[in-house]
Amino acid sequence: MARHIRFAQASDAHAVERIENDADQLLVDYLHADVWSAAPPGITRLSESGFLLAVDVDGEVAGFVQVLEVDGNCHLEQLSVAPAQQGLGRALVEAAKDQARERGYERISLRTYARVPWNAPFYATAGFAEEAPATSFHRSLLVVEAEHGLDRHGRRVQMSAPLRIMHP
């Protein structure tokens, strides 16, 4: 299984949307959610401020990570891996952290479910720790989550990881 992480391109938009919807179905099933919004169009994710990395497995997009860059914040917005390709998430998170570090950020944040095993517990093993939303950007995410009713499925948390500059 050959895998390659790269910047996503417009030609990846359909795969990004499909993978997110497929991955979301696992979350919907786990949370017993009766209502869940479809993923935004992949081209929307690709056009937002920040970057989107895709992982190819044997030449096919198998997952992606979207990182927003807003008001001086670096925020991991979405991580999705095709259900048949589980196990690629950590590589995508590390690639996102590396890219954020290269762009000069000292930390990267995210918001997720506290008790879903592949959410907060997974991110904790990748160096993220829970924190309070301190910036206006992070507080605005609470409003968006409330508008989408995400909190009705369990406690949501903000987490961040330091991006220490590695010196040779």
N, C-alpha and C. Protein backbone atom coordinates (compact mmCIF):
# COMPACT_ATOMS: atom_id res chain seq x y z
N MET A 1 0.86 -1.18 0.00
CA MET A 1 0.00 0.00 0.00
C MET A 1 0.90 1.23 0.00
N ALA A 2 0.97 1.91 -1.15
CA ALA A 2 1.77 3.12 -1.26
C ALA A 2 0.91 4.32 -0.90
N ARG A 3 1.40 5.15 0.03
CA ARG A 3 0.66 6.34 0.41
C ARG A 3 1.52 7.58 0.23
N HIS A 4 0.83 8.67 -0.11
CA HIS A 4 1.52 9.93 -0.37
C HIS A 4 0.63 11.06 0.10
N ILE A 5 1.17 11.95 0.96
CA ILE A 5 0.41 13.11 1.43
C ILE A 5 0.87 14.32 0.62
N ARG A 6 -0.11 15.08 0.13
CA ARG A 6 0.16 16.21 -0.75
C ARG A 6 -0.90 17.28 -0.55
N PHE A 7 -0.65 18.47 -1.11
CA PHE A 7 -1.69 19.50 -1.10
C PHE A 7 -2.82 19.06 -2.02
N ALA A 8 -4.05 19.22 -1.56
CA ALA A 8 -5.21 18.86 -2.38
C ALA A 8 -5.35 19.84 -3.53
N GLN A 9 -5.97 19.36 -4.60
CA GLN A 9 -6.21 20.15 -5.79
C GLN A 9 -7.71 20.18 -6.07
N ALA A 10 -8.12 21.08 -6.97
CA ALA A 10 -9.53 21.19 -7.32
C ALA A 10 -10.09 19.85 -7.82
N SER A 11 -9.27 19.06 -8.48
CA SER A 11 -9.73 17.77 -8.99
C SER A 11 -10.04 16.77 -7.87
N ASP A 12 -9.64 17.10 -6.64
CA ASP A 12 -9.92 16.23 -5.48
C ASP A 12 -11.24 16.57 -4.80
N ALA A 13 -11.92 17.64 -5.23
CA ALA A 13 -13.08 18.16 -4.52
C ALA A 13 -14.17 17.10 -4.31
N HIS A 14 -14.49 16.34 -5.34
CA HIS A 14 -15.55 15.33 -5.19
C HIS A 14 -15.14 14.26 -4.18
N ALA A 15 -13.89 13.81 -4.24
CA ALA A 15 -13.41 12.78 -3.31
C ALA A 15 -13.44 13.30 -1.87
N VAL A 16 -13.04 14.56 -1.68
CA VAL A 16 -13.05 15.16 -0.34
C VAL A 16 -14.46 15.14 0.24
N GLU A 17 -15.43 15.57 -0.53
CA GLU A 17 -16.82 15.59 -0.06
C GLU A 17 -17.34 14.18 0.22
N ARG A 18 -17.07 13.24 -0.67
CA ARG A 18 -17.52 11.86 -0.49
C ARG A 18 -16.90 11.23 0.76
N ILE A 19 -15.60 11.43 0.94
CA ILE A 19 -14.91 10.85 2.10
C ILE A 19 -15.47 11.44 3.39
N GLU A 20 -15.70 12.74 3.43
CA GLU A 20 -16.26 13.35 4.64
C GLU A 20 -17.65 12.80 4.95
N ASN A 21 -18.49 12.69 3.94
CA ASN A 21 -19.83 12.15 4.18
C ASN A 21 -19.77 10.70 4.65
N ASP A 22 -18.90 9.89 4.04
CA ASP A 22 -18.76 8.49 4.46
C ASP A 22 -18.23 8.39 5.89
N ALA A 23 -17.23 9.20 6.23
CA ALA A 23 -16.67 9.19 7.58
C ALA A 23 -17.69 9.70 8.59
N ASP A 24 -18.45 10.72 8.20
CA ASP A 24 -19.49 11.25 9.10
C ASP A 24 -20.53 10.20 9.43
N GLN A 25 -20.80 9.29 8.51
CA GLN A 25 -21.80 8.26 8.78
C GLN A 25 -21.38 7.39 9.96
N LEU A 26 -20.09 7.15 10.11
CA LEU A 26 -19.60 6.39 11.28
C LEU A 26 -19.91 7.16 12.56
N LEU A 27 -19.72 8.47 12.53
CA LEU A 27 -20.00 9.31 13.70
C LEU A 27 -21.50 9.36 13.98
N VAL A 28 -22.30 9.50 12.94
CA VAL A 28 -23.76 9.52 13.09
C VAL A 28 -24.23 8.23 13.75
N ASP A 29 -23.71 7.10 13.27
CA ASP A 29 -24.08 5.80 13.84
C ASP A 29 -23.65 5.70 15.31
N TYR A 30 -22.44 6.15 15.61
CA TYR A 30 -21.92 6.07 16.97
C TYR A 30 -22.74 6.94 17.93
N LEU A 31 -23.11 8.13 17.47
CA LEU A 31 -23.85 9.07 18.31
C LEU A 31 -25.36 8.86 18.29
N HIS A 32 -25.82 7.97 17.44
CA HIS A 32 -27.26 7.74 17.25
C HIS A 32 -27.95 9.06 16.89
N ALA A 33 -27.31 9.82 16.02
CA ALA A 33 -27.84 11.13 15.61
C ALA A 33 -28.94 10.94 14.58
N ASP A 34 -30.05 11.59 14.81
CA ASP A 34 -31.16 11.47 13.85
C ASP A 34 -31.07 12.53 12.76
N VAL A 35 -30.33 13.61 13.01
CA VAL A 35 -30.16 14.68 12.04
C VAL A 35 -28.68 15.02 11.97
N TRP A 36 -28.16 15.11 10.74
CA TRP A 36 -26.75 15.48 10.56
C TRP A 36 -26.63 16.18 9.22
N SER A 37 -25.94 17.28 9.21
CA SER A 37 -25.75 18.03 7.97
C SER A 37 -24.78 17.31 7.05
N ALA A 38 -25.07 17.37 5.76
CA ALA A 38 -24.14 16.82 4.77
C ALA A 38 -22.87 17.66 4.76
N ALA A 39 -21.79 17.06 4.32
CA ALA A 39 -20.52 17.77 4.19
C ALA A 39 -20.67 18.91 3.20
N PRO A 40 -19.93 19.98 3.42
CA PRO A 40 -19.95 21.06 2.42
C PRO A 40 -19.32 20.54 1.13
N PRO A 41 -19.61 21.20 0.01
CA PRO A 41 -18.94 20.80 -1.23
C PRO A 41 -17.42 20.82 -1.04
N GLY A 42 -16.74 19.85 -1.60
CA GLY A 42 -15.29 19.78 -1.48
C GLY A 42 -14.61 21.05 -1.96
N ILE A 43 -15.16 21.66 -3.01
CA ILE A 43 -14.55 22.87 -3.54
C ILE A 43 -14.63 24.01 -2.52
N THR A 44 -15.65 23.99 -1.66
CA THR A 44 -15.76 24.98 -0.60
C THR A 44 -14.61 24.81 0.39
N ARG A 45 -14.36 23.56 0.81
CA ARG A 45 -13.24 23.31 1.73
C ARG A 45 -11.92 23.76 1.09
N LEU A 46 -11.76 23.48 -0.20
CA LEU A 46 -10.52 23.84 -0.89
C LEU A 46 -10.33 25.35 -1.03
N SER A 47 -11.42 26.10 -1.02
CA SER A 47 -11.32 27.54 -1.25
C SER A 47 -11.20 28.37 0.03
N GLU A 48 -11.34 27.73 1.19
CA GLU A 48 -11.26 28.47 2.45
C GLU A 48 -9.82 28.83 2.78
N SER A 49 -9.65 29.87 3.60
CA SER A 49 -8.33 30.34 3.97
C SER A 49 -7.60 29.26 4.78
N GLY A 50 -6.43 28.90 4.32
CA GLY A 50 -5.65 27.87 5.00
C GLY A 50 -5.15 26.87 3.98
N PHE A 51 -5.13 25.60 4.37
CA PHE A 51 -4.65 24.57 3.44
C PHE A 51 -5.39 23.27 3.68
N LEU A 52 -5.39 22.43 2.66
CA LEU A 52 -6.02 21.13 2.72
C LEU A 52 -5.03 20.12 2.15
N LEU A 53 -4.70 19.14 2.97
CA LEU A 53 -3.80 18.07 2.54
C LEU A 53 -4.62 16.81 2.29
N ALA A 54 -4.27 16.11 1.22
CA ALA A 54 -4.93 14.84 0.89
C ALA A 54 -3.90 13.73 1.00
N VAL A 55 -4.38 12.54 1.34
CA VAL A 55 -3.50 11.38 1.33
C VAL A 55 -3.99 10.45 0.22
N ASP A 56 -3.08 10.11 -0.67
CA ASP A 56 -3.37 9.15 -1.73
C ASP A 56 -2.89 7.78 -1.27
N VAL A 57 -3.71 6.78 -1.50
CA VAL A 57 -3.31 5.39 -1.27
C VAL A 57 -3.46 4.68 -2.60
N ASP A 58 -2.35 4.20 -3.10
CA ASP A 58 -2.34 3.55 -4.41
C ASP A 58 -3.01 4.41 -5.47
N GLY A 59 -2.74 5.71 -5.42
CA GLY A 59 -3.22 6.63 -6.45
C GLY A 59 -4.62 7.18 -6.27
N GLU A 60 -5.32 6.80 -5.20
CA GLU A 60 -6.68 7.28 -4.94
C GLU A 60 -6.71 8.07 -3.64
N VAL A 61 -7.46 9.18 -3.61
CA VAL A 61 -7.60 9.97 -2.39
C VAL A 61 -8.33 9.11 -1.35
N ALA A 62 -7.70 8.96 -0.18
CA ALA A 62 -8.26 8.11 0.88
C ALA A 62 -8.56 8.89 2.15
N GLY A 63 -8.19 10.17 2.20
CA GLY A 63 -8.45 10.99 3.37
C GLY A 63 -7.91 12.38 3.17
N PHE A 64 -8.28 13.26 4.10
CA PHE A 64 -7.80 14.64 4.01
C PHE A 64 -7.84 15.29 5.38
N VAL A 65 -7.09 16.38 5.50
CA VAL A 65 -7.13 17.23 6.68
C VAL A 65 -7.20 18.67 6.18
N GLN A 66 -8.16 19.42 6.73
CA GLN A 66 -8.31 20.83 6.40
C GLN A 66 -7.88 21.67 7.59
N VAL A 67 -7.02 22.65 7.35
CA VAL A 67 -6.55 23.55 8.39
C VAL A 67 -6.90 24.97 7.96
N LEU A 68 -7.63 25.67 8.83
CA LEU A 68 -7.98 27.06 8.58
C LEU A 68 -6.92 27.98 9.16
N GLU A 69 -6.69 29.09 8.49
CA GLU A 69 -5.83 30.15 8.99
C GLU A 69 -6.70 31.40 9.06
N VAL A 70 -7.09 31.77 10.29
CA VAL A 70 -8.03 32.87 10.50
C VAL A 70 -7.54 33.74 11.66
N ASP A 71 -7.41 35.03 11.41
CA ASP A 71 -7.04 35.99 12.46
C ASP A 71 -5.82 35.56 13.27
N GLY A 72 -4.81 35.03 12.59
CA GLY A 72 -3.59 34.61 13.27
C GLY A 72 -3.70 33.25 13.96
N ASN A 73 -4.85 32.58 13.79
CA ASN A 73 -5.05 31.26 14.38
C ASN A 73 -4.87 30.18 13.33
N CYS A 74 -4.32 29.07 13.75
CA CYS A 74 -4.17 27.89 12.90
C CYS A 74 -5.07 26.81 13.52
N HIS A 75 -6.09 26.39 12.78
CA HIS A 75 -7.14 25.55 13.35
C HIS A 75 -7.43 24.35 12.46
N LEU A 76 -7.25 23.17 13.01
CA LEU A 76 -7.58 21.94 12.29
C LEU A 76 -9.10 21.84 12.26
N GLU A 77 -9.68 22.11 11.12
CA GLU A 77 -11.13 22.18 10.97
C GLU A 77 -11.75 20.82 10.72
N GLN A 78 -11.11 19.99 9.90
CA GLN A 78 -11.72 18.72 9.54
C GLN A 78 -10.64 17.70 9.23
N LEU A 79 -10.83 16.51 9.76
CA LEU A 79 -10.00 15.34 9.44
C LEU A 79 -10.96 14.23 9.07
N SER A 80 -10.85 13.71 7.87
CA SER A 80 -11.73 12.62 7.43
C SER A 80 -10.90 11.60 6.66
N VAL A 81 -11.16 10.34 6.97
CA VAL A 81 -10.49 9.23 6.29
C VAL A 81 -11.58 8.27 5.83
N ALA A 82 -11.44 7.76 4.62
CA ALA A 82 -12.40 6.78 4.11
C ALA A 82 -12.47 5.61 5.08
N PRO A 83 -13.68 5.18 5.43
CA PRO A 83 -13.81 4.10 6.43
C PRO A 83 -12.98 2.86 6.12
N ALA A 84 -12.82 2.51 4.86
CA ALA A 84 -12.02 1.33 4.50
C ALA A 84 -10.52 1.58 4.63
N GLN A 85 -10.13 2.81 4.89
CA GLN A 85 -8.72 3.18 4.96
C GLN A 85 -8.32 3.69 6.34
N GLN A 86 -9.01 3.29 7.38
CA GLN A 86 -8.71 3.78 8.72
C GLN A 86 -7.24 3.54 9.04
N GLY A 87 -6.68 4.43 9.84
CA GLY A 87 -5.28 4.33 10.21
C GLY A 87 -4.42 5.40 9.57
N LEU A 88 -5.02 6.22 8.71
CA LEU A 88 -4.27 7.29 8.05
C LEU A 88 -4.36 8.62 8.79
N GLY A 89 -5.26 8.71 9.77
CA GLY A 89 -5.51 9.97 10.46
C GLY A 89 -4.29 10.54 11.14
N ARG A 90 -3.52 9.72 11.81
CA ARG A 90 -2.34 10.22 12.53
C ARG A 90 -1.34 10.83 11.56
N ALA A 91 -1.12 10.19 10.43
CA ALA A 91 -0.18 10.73 9.43
C ALA A 91 -0.67 12.07 8.90
N LEU A 92 -1.97 12.21 8.69
CA LEU A 92 -2.52 13.48 8.23
C LEU A 92 -2.38 14.56 9.30
N VAL A 93 -2.64 14.22 10.55
CA VAL A 93 -2.51 15.20 11.64
C VAL A 93 -1.05 15.66 11.74
N GLU A 94 -0.12 14.74 11.68
CA GLU A 94 1.29 15.11 11.78
C GLU A 94 1.72 15.96 10.59
N ALA A 95 1.22 15.65 9.40
CA ALA A 95 1.54 16.45 8.21
C ALA A 95 0.96 17.86 8.35
N ALA A 96 -0.25 17.96 8.90
CA ALA A 96 -0.87 19.28 9.12
C ALA A 96 -0.05 20.07 10.14
N LYS A 97 0.40 19.42 11.20
CA LYS A 97 1.22 20.11 12.20
C LYS A 97 2.54 20.57 11.58
N ASP A 98 3.15 19.73 10.75
CA ASP A 98 4.39 20.11 10.09
C ASP A 98 4.19 21.32 9.19
N GLN A 99 3.12 21.32 8.41
CA GLN A 99 2.84 22.43 7.50
C GLN A 99 2.55 23.71 8.28
N ALA A 100 1.81 23.59 9.38
CA ALA A 100 1.51 24.77 10.21
C ALA A 100 2.80 25.32 10.81
N ARG A 101 3.67 24.44 11.26
CA ARG A 101 4.97 24.85 11.81
C ARG A 101 5.78 25.59 10.74
N GLU A 102 5.80 25.05 9.52
CA GLU A 102 6.53 25.69 8.42
C GLU A 102 5.98 27.07 8.12
N ARG A 103 4.70 27.27 8.37
CA ARG A 103 4.06 28.57 8.13
C ARG A 103 4.24 29.53 9.29
N GLY A 104 4.97 29.09 10.33
CA GLY A 104 5.31 29.97 11.43
C GLY A 104 4.38 29.93 12.64
N TYR A 105 3.43 29.03 12.65
CA TYR A 105 2.53 28.94 13.81
C TYR A 105 3.20 28.23 14.96
N GLU A 106 2.85 28.65 16.18
CA GLU A 106 3.40 28.03 17.38
C GLU A 106 2.44 27.03 18.00
N ARG A 107 1.17 27.05 17.55
CA ARG A 107 0.18 26.10 18.07
C ARG A 107 -0.90 25.90 17.03
N ILE A 108 -1.58 24.78 17.15
CA ILE A 108 -2.71 24.45 16.28
C ILE A 108 -3.86 24.01 17.17
N SER A 109 -5.05 24.48 16.86
CA SER A 109 -6.22 24.15 17.68
C SER A 109 -7.20 23.30 16.88
N LEU A 110 -8.21 22.79 17.59
CA LEU A 110 -9.31 22.07 16.97
C LEU A 110 -10.46 22.01 17.96
N ARG A 111 -11.64 21.65 17.47
CA ARG A 111 -12.79 21.39 18.33
C ARG A 111 -13.33 20.03 17.96
N THR A 112 -13.77 19.28 18.97
CA THR A 112 -14.17 17.90 18.72
C THR A 112 -15.05 17.38 19.86
N TYR A 113 -15.52 16.16 19.72
CA TYR A 113 -16.30 15.52 20.78
C TYR A 113 -15.37 14.93 21.84
N ALA A 114 -15.70 15.16 23.09
CA ALA A 114 -14.85 14.73 24.20
C ALA A 114 -14.78 13.22 24.35
N ARG A 115 -15.90 12.54 24.09
CA ARG A 115 -15.96 11.11 24.44
C ARG A 115 -16.02 10.15 23.25
N VAL A 116 -15.94 10.65 22.05
CA VAL A 116 -15.90 9.77 20.88
C VAL A 116 -14.45 9.28 20.75
N PRO A 117 -14.23 7.97 20.76
CA PRO A 117 -12.86 7.45 20.81
C PRO A 117 -11.92 7.99 19.73
N TRP A 118 -12.41 8.20 18.54
CA TRP A 118 -11.55 8.70 17.47
C TRP A 118 -11.57 10.22 17.38
N ASN A 119 -12.08 10.88 18.40
CA ASN A 119 -12.06 12.34 18.49
C ASN A 119 -11.08 12.74 19.59
N ALA A 120 -11.52 13.35 20.68
CA ALA A 120 -10.62 13.88 21.70
C ALA A 120 -9.59 12.84 22.20
N PRO A 121 -9.99 11.61 22.51
CA PRO A 121 -8.97 10.65 22.98
C PRO A 121 -7.87 10.41 21.94
N PHE A 122 -8.24 10.35 20.67
CA PHE A 122 -7.25 10.19 19.61
C PHE A 122 -6.32 11.41 19.55
N TYR A 123 -6.91 12.61 19.54
CA TYR A 123 -6.11 13.82 19.44
C TYR A 123 -5.17 13.97 20.65
N ALA A 124 -5.59 13.51 21.81
CA ALA A 124 -4.72 13.56 23.00
C ALA A 124 -3.45 12.74 22.75
N THR A 125 -3.57 11.61 22.05
CA THR A 125 -2.39 10.81 21.76
C THR A 125 -1.51 11.45 20.70
N ALA A 126 -2.03 12.48 20.02
CA ALA A 126 -1.26 13.19 19.00
C ALA A 126 -0.73 14.52 19.54
N GLY A 127 -0.75 14.69 20.88
CA GLY A 127 -0.14 15.87 21.49
C GLY A 127 -1.08 17.03 21.77
N PHE A 128 -2.38 16.84 21.58
CA PHE A 128 -3.36 17.90 21.85
C PHE A 128 -3.85 17.80 23.29
N ALA A 129 -4.12 18.96 23.89
CA ALA A 129 -4.66 19.02 25.25
C ALA A 129 -5.85 19.97 25.27
N GLU A 130 -6.79 19.68 26.15
CA GLU A 130 -7.99 20.50 26.26
C GLU A 130 -7.65 21.89 26.77
N GLU A 131 -8.36 22.89 26.26
CA GLU A 131 -8.18 24.28 26.68
C GLU A 131 -9.49 25.02 26.50
N ALA A 132 -9.58 26.17 27.13
CA ALA A 132 -10.77 27.02 26.98
C ALA A 132 -10.62 27.89 25.73
N PRO A 133 -11.73 28.15 25.04
CA PRO A 133 -11.67 29.06 23.88
C PRO A 133 -11.33 30.47 24.35
N ALA A 134 -10.19 31.00 23.94
CA ALA A 134 -9.73 32.30 24.44
C ALA A 134 -9.81 33.42 23.41
N THR A 135 -9.84 33.09 22.13
CA THR A 135 -9.86 34.13 21.10
C THR A 135 -11.27 34.33 20.57
N SER A 136 -11.49 35.45 19.90
CA SER A 136 -12.81 35.68 19.32
C SER A 136 -13.10 34.64 18.23
N PHE A 137 -12.08 34.22 17.49
CA PHE A 137 -12.27 33.16 16.50
C PHE A 137 -12.77 31.89 17.16
N HIS A 138 -12.11 31.46 18.22
CA HIS A 138 -12.50 30.22 18.89
C HIS A 138 -13.88 30.33 19.52
N ARG A 139 -14.20 31.48 20.08
CA ARG A 139 -15.54 31.66 20.65
C ARG A 139 -16.60 31.65 19.55
N SER A 140 -16.26 32.13 18.36
CA SER A 140 -17.22 32.11 17.25
C SER A 140 -17.54 30.67 16.83
N LEU A 141 -16.61 29.76 17.04
CA LEU A 141 -16.87 28.35 16.71
C LEU A 141 -17.94 27.76 17.62
N LEU A 142 -18.01 28.23 18.85
CA LEU A 142 -19.05 27.77 19.77
C LEU A 142 -20.43 28.13 19.22
N VAL A 143 -20.55 29.31 18.66
CA VAL A 143 -21.81 29.77 18.08
C VAL A 143 -22.19 28.90 16.89
N VAL A 144 -21.24 28.63 16.03
CA VAL A 144 -21.49 27.79 14.85
C VAL A 144 -21.91 26.39 15.29
N GLU A 145 -21.23 25.82 16.26
CA GLU A 145 -21.58 24.49 16.75
C GLU A 145 -23.00 24.48 17.31
N ALA A 146 -23.37 25.52 18.05
CA ALA A 146 -24.72 25.61 18.61
C ALA A 146 -25.76 25.71 17.49
N GLU A 147 -25.46 26.51 16.47
CA GLU A 147 -26.38 26.64 15.35
C GLU A 147 -26.61 25.31 14.65
N HIS A 148 -25.58 24.46 14.60
CA HIS A 148 -25.70 23.15 13.97
C HIS A 148 -26.18 22.07 14.95
N GLY A 149 -26.37 22.43 16.19
CA GLY A 149 -26.85 21.47 17.18
C GLY A 149 -25.86 20.38 17.54
N LEU A 150 -24.58 20.64 17.34
CA LEU A 150 -23.59 19.60 17.62
C LEU A 150 -23.52 19.22 19.09
N ASP A 151 -23.77 20.18 19.97
CA ASP A 151 -23.67 19.92 21.41
C ASP A 151 -24.75 18.97 21.93
N ARG A 152 -25.81 18.76 21.19
CA ARG A 152 -26.85 17.83 21.65
C ARG A 152 -26.39 16.38 21.59
N HIS A 153 -25.25 16.12 20.93
CA HIS A 153 -24.75 14.75 20.79
C HIS A 153 -23.63 14.43 21.77
N GLY A 154 -23.33 15.37 22.66
CA GLY A 154 -22.27 15.13 23.64
C GLY A 154 -21.41 16.36 23.81
N ARG A 155 -20.60 16.32 24.85
CA ARG A 155 -19.75 17.47 25.18
C ARG A 155 -18.71 17.70 24.09
N ARG A 156 -18.59 18.95 23.69
CA ARG A 156 -17.59 19.39 22.72
C ARG A 156 -16.45 20.06 23.47
N VAL A 157 -15.24 19.89 22.99
CA VAL A 157 -14.08 20.50 23.63
C VAL A 157 -13.18 21.15 22.59
N GLN A 158 -12.45 22.14 23.07
CA GLN A 158 -11.39 22.71 22.26
C GLN A 158 -10.09 22.12 22.75
N MET A 159 -9.22 21.82 21.81
CA MET A 159 -7.91 21.27 22.13
C MET A 159 -6.87 22.01 21.30
N SER A 160 -5.64 22.01 21.78
CA SER A 160 -4.55 22.57 20.98
C SER A 160 -3.28 21.77 21.22
N ALA A 161 -2.37 21.90 20.28
CA ALA A 161 -1.06 21.25 20.39
C ALA A 161 0.01 22.29 20.09
N PRO A 162 1.08 22.29 20.87
CA PRO A 162 2.19 23.19 20.56
C PRO A 162 2.91 22.72 19.30
N LEU A 163 3.44 23.67 18.57
CA LEU A 163 4.20 23.36 17.36
C LEU A 163 5.62 23.87 17.58
N ARG A 164 6.37 23.12 18.33
CA ARG A 164 7.73 23.54 18.64
C ARG A 164 8.58 23.53 17.38
N ILE A 165 9.37 24.56 17.23
CA ILE A 165 10.28 24.64 16.10
C ILE A 165 11.44 23.69 16.37
N MET A 166 11.68 22.79 15.40
CA MET A 166 12.76 21.83 15.54
C MET A 166 14.05 22.44 14.98
N HIS A 167 15.06 22.54 15.82
CA HIS A 167 16.36 23.06 15.37
C HIS A 167 17.31 21.90 15.11
N PRO A 168 18.03 21.97 13.98
CA PRO A 168 18.97 20.88 13.67
C PRO A 168 20.13 20.79 14.62
